[in-house]
PDB file of N, CA and C in Angstrom:
ATOM      1  N   MET A   1      31.158 -20.827  23.951  1.00  0.00           N
ATOM      2  CA  MET A   1      30.345 -21.986  23.164  1.00  0.00           C
ATOM      3  C   MET A   1      28.876 -21.590  23.580  1.00  0.00           C
ATOM      4  N   VAL A   2      28.566 -21.779  22.287  1.00  0.00           N
ATOM      5  CA  VAL A   2      26.624 -21.699  22.455  1.00  0.00           C
ATOM      6  C   VAL A   2      26.104 -22.896  21.934  1.00  0.00           C
ATOM      7  N   LEU A   3      25.212 -23.535  22.805  1.00  0.00           N
ATOM      8  CA  LEU A   3      24.193 -24.959  22.051  1.00  0.00           C
ATOM      9  C   LEU A   3      22.770 -24.493  21.875  1.00  0.00           C
ATOM     10  N   ASP A   4      22.088 -24.715  20.574  1.00  0.00           N
ATOM     11  CA  ASP A   4      21.196 -24.197  21.224  1.00  0.00           C
ATOM     12  C   ASP A   4      20.278 -25.650  20.834  1.00  0.00           C
ATOM     13  N   TYR A   5      19.466 -26.365  21.640  1.00  0.00           N
ATOM     14  CA  TYR A   5      18.426 -27.520  21.532  1.00  0.00           C
ATOM     15  C   TYR A   5      16.634 -26.929  21.390  1.00  0.00           C
ATOM     16  N   ARG A   6      16.623 -26.063  21.080  1.00  0.00           N
ATOM     17  CA  ARG A   6      15.276 -25.454  20.894  1.00  0.00           C
ATOM     18  C   ARG A   6      14.423 -26.803  20.049  1.00  0.00           C
ATOM     19  N   GLY A   7      13.065 -27.024  20.128  1.00  0.00           N
ATOM     20  CA  GLY A   7      12.789 -28.082  19.651  1.00  0.00           C
ATOM     21  C   GLY A   7      12.682 -29.090  20.141  1.00  0.00           C
ATOM     22  N   LEU A   8      13.656 -29.432  20.650  1.00  0.00           N
ATOM     23  CA  LEU A   8      14.251 -31.004  21.366  1.00  0.00           C
ATOM     24  C   LEU A   8      13.505 -31.371  22.905  1.00  0.00           C
ATOM     25  N   ARG A   9      13.095 -32.604  22.469  1.00  0.00           N
ATOM     26  CA  ARG A   9      12.516 -32.768  24.049  1.00  0.00           C
ATOM     27  C   ARG A   9      13.484 -33.954  24.798  1.00  0.00           C
ATOM     28  N   CYS A  10      13.759 -33.865  26.226  1.00  0.00           N
ATOM     29  CA  CYS A  10      14.110 -34.791  26.724  1.00  0.00           C
ATOM     30  C   CYS A  10      14.026 -36.475  26.392  1.00  0.00           C
ATOM     31  N   PRO A  11      14.925 -36.952  26.009  1.00  0.00           N
ATOM     32  CA  PRO A  11      16.703 -36.848  26.421  1.00  0.00           C
ATOM     33  C   PRO A  11      17.610 -35.691  25.801  1.00  0.00           C
ATOM     34  N   LEU A  12      17.106 -35.597  24.294  1.00  0.00           N
ATOM     35  CA  LEU A  12      17.458 -35.371  23.264  1.00  0.00           C
ATOM     36  C   LEU A  12      19.046 -34.370  23.679  1.00  0.00           C
ATOM     37  N   PRO A  13      18.160 -32.539  24.183  1.00  0.00           N
ATOM     38  CA  PRO A  13      19.613 -31.904  24.903  1.00  0.00           C
ATOM     39  C   PRO A  13      20.742 -32.221  25.774  1.00  0.00           C
ATOM     40  N   VAL A  14      20.606 -33.325  26.708  1.00  0.00           N
ATOM     41  CA  VAL A  14      21.340 -33.364  27.419  1.00  0.00           C
ATOM     42  C   VAL A  14      22.461 -34.877  26.359  1.00  0.00           C
ATOM     43  N   ILE A  15      21.742 -35.301  26.001  1.00  0.00           N
ATOM     44  CA  ILE A  15      22.740 -36.339  24.913  1.00  0.00           C
ATOM     45  C   ILE A  15      23.404 -35.360  24.431  1.00  0.00           C
ATOM     46  N   ARG A  16      22.835 -34.445  23.193  1.00  0.00           N
ATOM     47  CA  ARG A  16      23.718 -34.142  22.282  1.00  0.00           C
ATOM     48  C   ARG A  16      24.598 -33.009  22.906  1.00  0.00           C
ATOM     49  N   ALA A  17      24.309 -32.293  23.962  1.00  0.00           N
ATOM     50  CA  ALA A  17      25.288 -31.486  25.200  1.00  0.00           C
ATOM     51  C   ALA A  17      26.489 -32.714  25.433  1.00  0.00           C
ATOM     52  N   ARG A  18      25.428 -33.538  25.896  1.00  0.00           N
ATOM     53  CA  ARG A  18      27.461 -34.219  26.489  1.00  0.00           C
ATOM     54  C   ARG A  18      28.392 -34.667  25.325  1.00  0.00           C
ATOM     55  N   LYS A  19      27.604 -35.272  24.234  1.00  0.00           N
ATOM     56  CA  LYS A  19      28.653 -35.213  22.888  1.00  0.00           C
ATOM     57  C   LYS A  19      29.945 -34.144  22.836  1.00  0.00           C
ATOM     58  N   ALA A  20      28.573 -32.844  22.918  1.00  0.00           N
ATOM     59  CA  ALA A  20      29.895 -31.787  22.071  1.00  0.00           C
ATOM     60  C   ALA A  20      30.656 -31.161  23.405  1.00  0.00           C
ATOM     61  N   LEU A  21      30.250 -31.637  24.471  1.00  0.00           N
ATOM     62  CA  LEU A  21      31.069 -30.959  25.191  1.00  0.00           C
ATOM     63  C   LEU A  21      32.491 -31.703  25.826  1.00  0.00           C
ATOM     64  N   ARG A  22      32.414 -32.935  25.139  1.00  0.00           N
ATOM     65  CA  ARG A  22      33.548 -33.833  25.371  1.00  0.00           C
ATOM     66  C   ARG A  22      34.233 -33.507  24.516  1.00  0.00           C
ATOM     67  N   ARG A  23      34.353 -32.905  23.413  1.00  0.00           N
ATOM     68  CA  ARG A  23      35.871 -32.088  23.031  1.00  0.00           C
ATOM     69  C   ARG A  23      35.821 -31.019  23.679  1.00  0.00           C
ATOM     70  N   VAL A  24      35.313 -30.504  24.476  1.00  0.00           N
ATOM     71  CA  VAL A  24      35.730 -29.345  25.024  1.00  0.00           C
ATOM     72  C   VAL A  24      36.957 -28.994  26.248  1.00  0.00           C
ATOM     73  N   PRO A  25      38.011 -28.109  26.384  1.00  0.00           N
ATOM     74  CA  PRO A  25      38.732 -27.990  27.625  1.00  0.00           C
ATOM     75  C   PRO A  25      37.910 -27.652  28.707  1.00  0.00           C
ATOM     76  N   SER A  26      38.674 -28.290  30.029  1.00  0.00           N
ATOM     77  CA  SER A  26      38.178 -27.872  30.943  1.00  0.00           C
ATOM     78  C   SER A  26      38.174 -26.763  31.244  1.00  0.00           C
ATOM     79  N   GLY A  27      36.907 -26.245  32.218  1.00  0.00           N
ATOM     80  CA  GLY A  27      37.422 -24.481  32.147  1.00  0.00           C
ATOM     81  C   GLY A  27      36.413 -23.736  31.232  1.00  0.00           C
ATOM     82  N   ARG A  28      35.711 -23.984  29.934  1.00  0.00           N
ATOM     83  CA  ARG A  28      35.183 -23.110  29.141  1.00  0.00           C
ATOM     84  C   ARG A  28      34.092 -22.949  29.499  1.00  0.00           C
ATOM     85  N   GLU A  29      33.521 -21.773  29.176  1.00  0.00           N
ATOM     86  CA  GLU A  29      31.551 -21.687  29.946  1.00  0.00           C
ATOM     87  C   GLU A  29      31.098 -21.749  28.158  1.00  0.00           C
ATOM     88  N   ALA A  30      30.103 -22.620  28.709  1.00  0.00           N
ATOM     89  CA  ALA A  30      28.854 -22.949  27.306  1.00  0.00           C
ATOM     90  C   ALA A  30      27.171 -22.516  27.894  1.00  0.00           C
ATOM     91  N   LEU A  31      27.060 -21.499  27.024  1.00  0.00           N
ATOM     92  CA  LEU A  31      25.520 -21.192  27.127  1.00  0.00           C
ATOM     93  C   LEU A  31      24.189 -21.961  26.205  1.00  0.00           C
ATOM     94  N   ILE A  32      23.653 -22.636  27.043  1.00  0.00           N
ATOM     95  CA  ILE A  32      22.841 -24.141  26.280  1.00  0.00           C
ATOM     96  C   ILE A  32      21.694 -22.953  26.472  1.00  0.00           C
ATOM     97  N   THR A  33      20.893 -23.121  25.223  1.00  0.00           N
ATOM     98  CA  THR A  33      19.377 -22.787  25.166  1.00  0.00           C
ATOM     99  C   THR A  33      18.091 -23.961  24.577  1.00  0.00           C
ATOM    100  N   ALA A  34      17.417 -24.397  25.749  1.00  0.00           N
ATOM    101  CA  ALA A  34      16.335 -25.053  25.315  1.00  0.00           C
ATOM    102  C   ALA A  34      15.321 -24.574  25.701  1.00  0.00           C
ATOM    103  N   ASP A  35      14.396 -24.951  25.031  1.00  0.00           N
ATOM    104  CA  ASP A  35      12.380 -25.363  25.794  1.00  0.00           C
ATOM    105  C   ASP A  35      12.022 -26.006  25.907  1.00  0.00           C
ATOM    106  N   ASP A  36      12.162 -27.093  26.421  1.00  0.00           N
ATOM    107  CA  ASP A  36      11.859 -28.524  27.143  1.00  0.00           C
ATOM    108  C   ASP A  36      11.698 -28.337  28.152  1.00  0.00           C
ATOM    109  N   ALA A  37      10.599 -28.265  28.962  1.00  0.00           N
ATOM    110  CA  ALA A  37      10.159 -28.076  30.563  1.00  0.00           C
ATOM    111  C   ALA A  37      11.153 -28.505  31.768  1.00  0.00           C
ATOM    112  N   SER A  38      11.693 -29.815  31.246  1.00  0.00           N
ATOM    113  CA  SER A  38      12.148 -30.480  31.775  1.00  0.00           C
ATOM    114  C   SER A  38      14.237 -30.145  31.750  1.00  0.00           C
ATOM    115  N   ALA A  39      14.586 -29.291  30.597  1.00  0.00           N
ATOM    116  CA  ALA A  39      15.677 -29.150  30.609  1.00  0.00           C
ATOM    117  C   ALA A  39      16.656 -28.516  32.469  1.00  0.00           C
ATOM    118  N   PRO A  40      15.727 -27.591  33.154  1.00  0.00           N
ATOM    119  CA  PRO A  40      16.633 -27.146  33.995  1.00  0.00           C
ATOM    120  C   PRO A  40      16.979 -28.499  34.980  1.00  0.00           C
ATOM    121  N   ALA A  41      16.028 -29.368  35.465  1.00  0.00           N
ATOM    122  CA  ALA A  41      16.128 -30.410  36.028  1.00  0.00           C
ATOM    123  C   ALA A  41      17.112 -31.267  35.118  1.00  0.00           C
ATOM    124  N   ASP A  42      17.231 -31.493  33.954  1.00  0.00           N
ATOM    125  CA  ASP A  42      17.968 -32.724  33.532  1.00  0.00           C
ATOM    126  C   ASP A  42      18.943 -31.860  33.451  1.00  0.00           C
ATOM    127  N   PHE A  43      19.695 -30.916  32.925  1.00  0.00           N
ATOM    128  CA  PHE A  43      21.030 -30.400  32.969  1.00  0.00           C
ATOM    129  C   PHE A  43      21.565 -29.706  34.431  1.00  0.00           C
ATOM    130  N   THR A  44      21.276 -29.727  35.555  1.00  0.00           N
ATOM    131  CA  THR A  44      21.358 -29.754  36.907  1.00  0.00           C
ATOM    132  C   THR A  44      22.012 -30.574  37.174  1.00  0.00           C
ATOM    133  N   ALA A  45      21.515 -31.878  37.055  1.00  0.00           N
ATOM    134  CA  ALA A  45      21.781 -33.331  36.933  1.00  0.00           C
ATOM    135  C   ALA A  45      22.748 -33.817  35.997  1.00  0.00           C
ATOM    136  N   PHE A  46      23.283 -33.438  34.777  1.00  0.00           N
ATOM    137  CA  PHE A  46      23.717 -33.930  34.111  1.00  0.00           C
ATOM    138  C   PHE A  46      25.468 -33.099  34.610  1.00  0.00           C
ATOM    139  N   CYS A  47      25.247 -32.147  35.025  1.00  0.00           N
ATOM    140  CA  CYS A  47      26.156 -31.189  35.340  1.00  0.00           C
ATOM    141  C   CYS A  47      27.248 -31.910  36.849  1.00  0.00           C
ATOM    142  N   ASP A  48      26.006 -32.432  37.316  1.00  0.00           N
ATOM    143  CA  ASP A  48      26.708 -33.200  38.691  1.00  0.00           C
ATOM    144  C   ASP A  48      27.403 -34.243  38.028  1.00  0.00           C
ATOM    145  N   ILE A  49      26.904 -34.932  37.370  1.00  0.00           N
ATOM    146  CA  ILE A  49      27.356 -36.524  36.953  1.00  0.00           C
ATOM    147  C   ILE A  49      28.505 -36.262  36.289  1.00  0.00           C
ATOM    148  N   ALA A  50      28.561 -35.227  35.745  1.00  0.00           N
ATOM    149  CA  ALA A  50      29.555 -34.856  34.423  1.00  0.00           C
ATOM    150  C   ALA A  50      30.627 -34.375  34.875  1.00  0.00           C
ATOM    151  N   GLY A  51      30.781 -33.415  36.279  1.00  0.00           N
ATOM    152  CA  GLY A  51      31.917 -32.708  36.781  1.00  0.00           C
ATOM    153  C   GLY A  51      31.968 -31.497  36.144  1.00  0.00           C
ATOM    154  N   HIS A  52      30.555 -30.995  35.442  1.00  0.00           N
ATOM    155  CA  HIS A  52      30.586 -29.513  34.960  1.00  0.00           C
ATOM    156  C   HIS A  52      30.613 -28.484  36.193  1.00  0.00           C
ATOM    157  N   GLU A  53      30.243 -26.911  35.990  1.00  0.00           N
ATOM    158  CA  GLU A  53      29.968 -26.439  37.339  1.00  0.00           C
ATOM    159  C   GLU A  53      28.615 -25.447  36.205  1.00  0.00           C
ATOM    160  N   LEU A  54      27.539 -25.522  37.194  1.00  0.00           N
ATOM    161  CA  LEU A  54      26.702 -25.024  36.847  1.00  0.00           C
ATOM    162  C   LEU A  54      26.831 -23.902  37.316  1.00  0.00           C
ATOM    163  N   LEU A  55      26.517 -22.745  36.285  1.00  0.00           N
ATOM    164  CA  LEU A  55      26.833 -21.128  36.681  1.00  0.00           C
ATOM    165  C   LEU A  55      25.060 -20.496  36.995  1.00  0.00           C
ATOM    166  N   GLY A  56      24.549 -21.216  36.171  1.00  0.00           N
ATOM    167  CA  GLY A  56      22.781 -20.761  36.326  1.00  0.00           C
ATOM    168  C   GLY A  56      21.934 -21.007  35.164  1.00  0.00           C
ATOM    169  N   ILE A  57      20.798 -20.522  35.693  1.00  0.00           N
ATOM    170  CA  ILE A  57      19.504 -21.049  34.642  1.00  0.00           C
ATOM    171  C   ILE A  57      18.934 -19.558  34.627  1.00  0.00           C
ATOM    172  N   ALA A  58      18.414 -19.661  34.008  1.00  0.00           N
ATOM    173  CA  ALA A  58      17.140 -18.544  33.451  1.00  0.00           C
ATOM    174  C   ALA A  58      16.380 -19.164  32.535  1.00  0.00           C
ATOM    175  N   GLU A  59      15.075 -18.582  32.813  1.00  0.00           N
ATOM    176  CA  GLU A  59      13.894 -18.566  31.723  1.00  0.00           C
ATOM    177  C   GLU A  59      13.286 -17.493  31.507  1.00  0.00           C
ATOM    178  N   HIS A  60      13.056 -17.419  29.964  1.00  0.00           N
ATOM    179  CA  HIS A  60      12.745 -16.023  29.909  1.00  0.00           C
ATOM    180  C   HIS A  60      11.286 -16.479  28.451  1.00  0.00           C
ATOM    181  N   GLU A  61      10.288 -16.748  29.125  1.00  0.00           N
ATOM    182  CA  GLU A  61       9.095 -16.547  28.094  1.00  0.00           C
ATOM    183  C   GLU A  61       8.780 -18.079  27.353  1.00  0.00           C
ATOM    184  N   GLY A  62       9.477 -19.347  28.733  1.00  0.00           N
ATOM    185  CA  GLY A  62       9.579 -20.690  27.795  1.00  0.00           C
ATOM    186  C   GLY A  62      10.784 -21.068  27.010  1.00  0.00           C
ATOM    187  N   LEU A  63      12.213 -19.982  27.338  1.00  0.00           N
ATOM    188  CA  LEU A  63      13.055 -21.036  27.155  1.00  0.00           C
ATOM    189  C   LEU A  63      14.030 -20.449  27.505  1.00  0.00           C
ATOM    190  N   PHE A  64      14.566 -21.566  27.829  1.00  0.00           N
ATOM    191  CA  PHE A  64      16.057 -21.813  28.914  1.00  0.00           C
ATOM    192  C   PHE A  64      17.101 -21.066  28.741  1.00  0.00           C
ATOM    193  N   GLU A  65      17.663 -20.930  29.457  1.00  0.00           N
ATOM    194  CA  GLU A  65      19.355 -20.453  29.438  1.00  0.00           C
ATOM    195  C   GLU A  65      20.206 -21.284  30.301  1.00  0.00           C
ATOM    196  N   ILE A  66      20.829 -21.872  29.574  1.00  0.00           N
ATOM    197  CA  ILE A  66      21.447 -22.414  30.913  1.00  0.00           C
ATOM    198  C   ILE A  66      23.299 -22.311  30.595  1.00  0.00           C
ATOM    199  N   ARG A  67      23.691 -21.742  31.956  1.00  0.00           N
ATOM    200  CA  ARG A  67      25.351 -21.776  31.889  1.00  0.00           C
ATOM    201  C   ARG A  67      26.066 -22.906  32.697  1.00  0.00           C
ATOM    202  N   LEU A  68      26.983 -23.030  32.131  1.00  0.00           N
ATOM    203  CA  LEU A  68      27.910 -23.932  32.651  1.00  0.00           C
ATOM    204  C   LEU A  68      29.175 -23.899  32.299  1.00  0.00           C
ATOM    205  N   ARG A  69      30.042 -24.127  32.946  1.00  0.00           N
ATOM    206  CA  ARG A  69      31.537 -24.208  33.177  1.00  0.00           C
ATOM    207  C   ARG A  69      32.226 -25.884  33.385  1.00  0.00           C
ATOM    208  N   THR A  70      32.977 -25.844  31.990  1.00  0.00           N
ATOM    209  CA  THR A  70      33.162 -27.612  31.747  1.00  0.00           C
ATOM    210  C   THR A  70      34.313 -28.023  32.820  1.00  0.00           C
ATOM    211  N   GLY A  71      34.135 -29.233  33.372  1.00  0.00           N
ATOM    212  CA  GLY A  71      34.709 -29.574  34.201  1.00  0.00           C
ATOM    213  C   GLY A  71      35.720 -30.956  33.737  1.00  0.00           C
ATOM    214  N   ARG A  72      35.314 -32.051  34.353  1.00  0.00           N
ATOM    215  CA  ARG A  72      36.070 -32.999  33.857  1.00  0.00           C
ATOM    216  C   ARG A  72      35.768 -33.908  32.728  1.00  0.00           C
ATOM    217  N   LYS A  73      37.373 -33.821  32.085  1.00  0.00           N
ATOM    218  CA  LYS A  73      37.056 -34.079  30.616  1.00  0.00           C
ATOM    219  C   LYS A  73      36.130 -35.768  30.605  1.00  0.00           C
ATOM    220  N   GLY A  74      35.975 -36.327  29.300  1.00  0.00           N
ATOM    221  CA  GLY A  74      35.510 -37.300  29.119  1.00  0.00           C
ATOM    222  C   GLY A  74      34.667 -38.338  29.760  1.00  0.00           C
ATOM    223  N   ARG A  75      33.937 -37.634  30.589  1.00  0.00           N
ATOM    224  CA  ARG A  75      32.709 -38.090  31.326  1.00  0.00           C
ATOM    225  C   ARG A  75      31.787 -38.209  30.621  1.00  0.00           C
TER     226      ARG A  75
END
């Protein structure tokens, strides 16, 4: 699953990702792209709170690629 949140500012990327990931079965991988500077910290906290596993964060010329594995459903 790929979620593209370029051009959105905090807190919209996390809000939209939370809504999209609610329907995804546990154990699936997702790639989230965002260009908001707060995205790494926001998604680190989001994964911790929602029970998703943060697989990694990479940055390429201001674009963040956040990889996660879905965890507990419905949070």
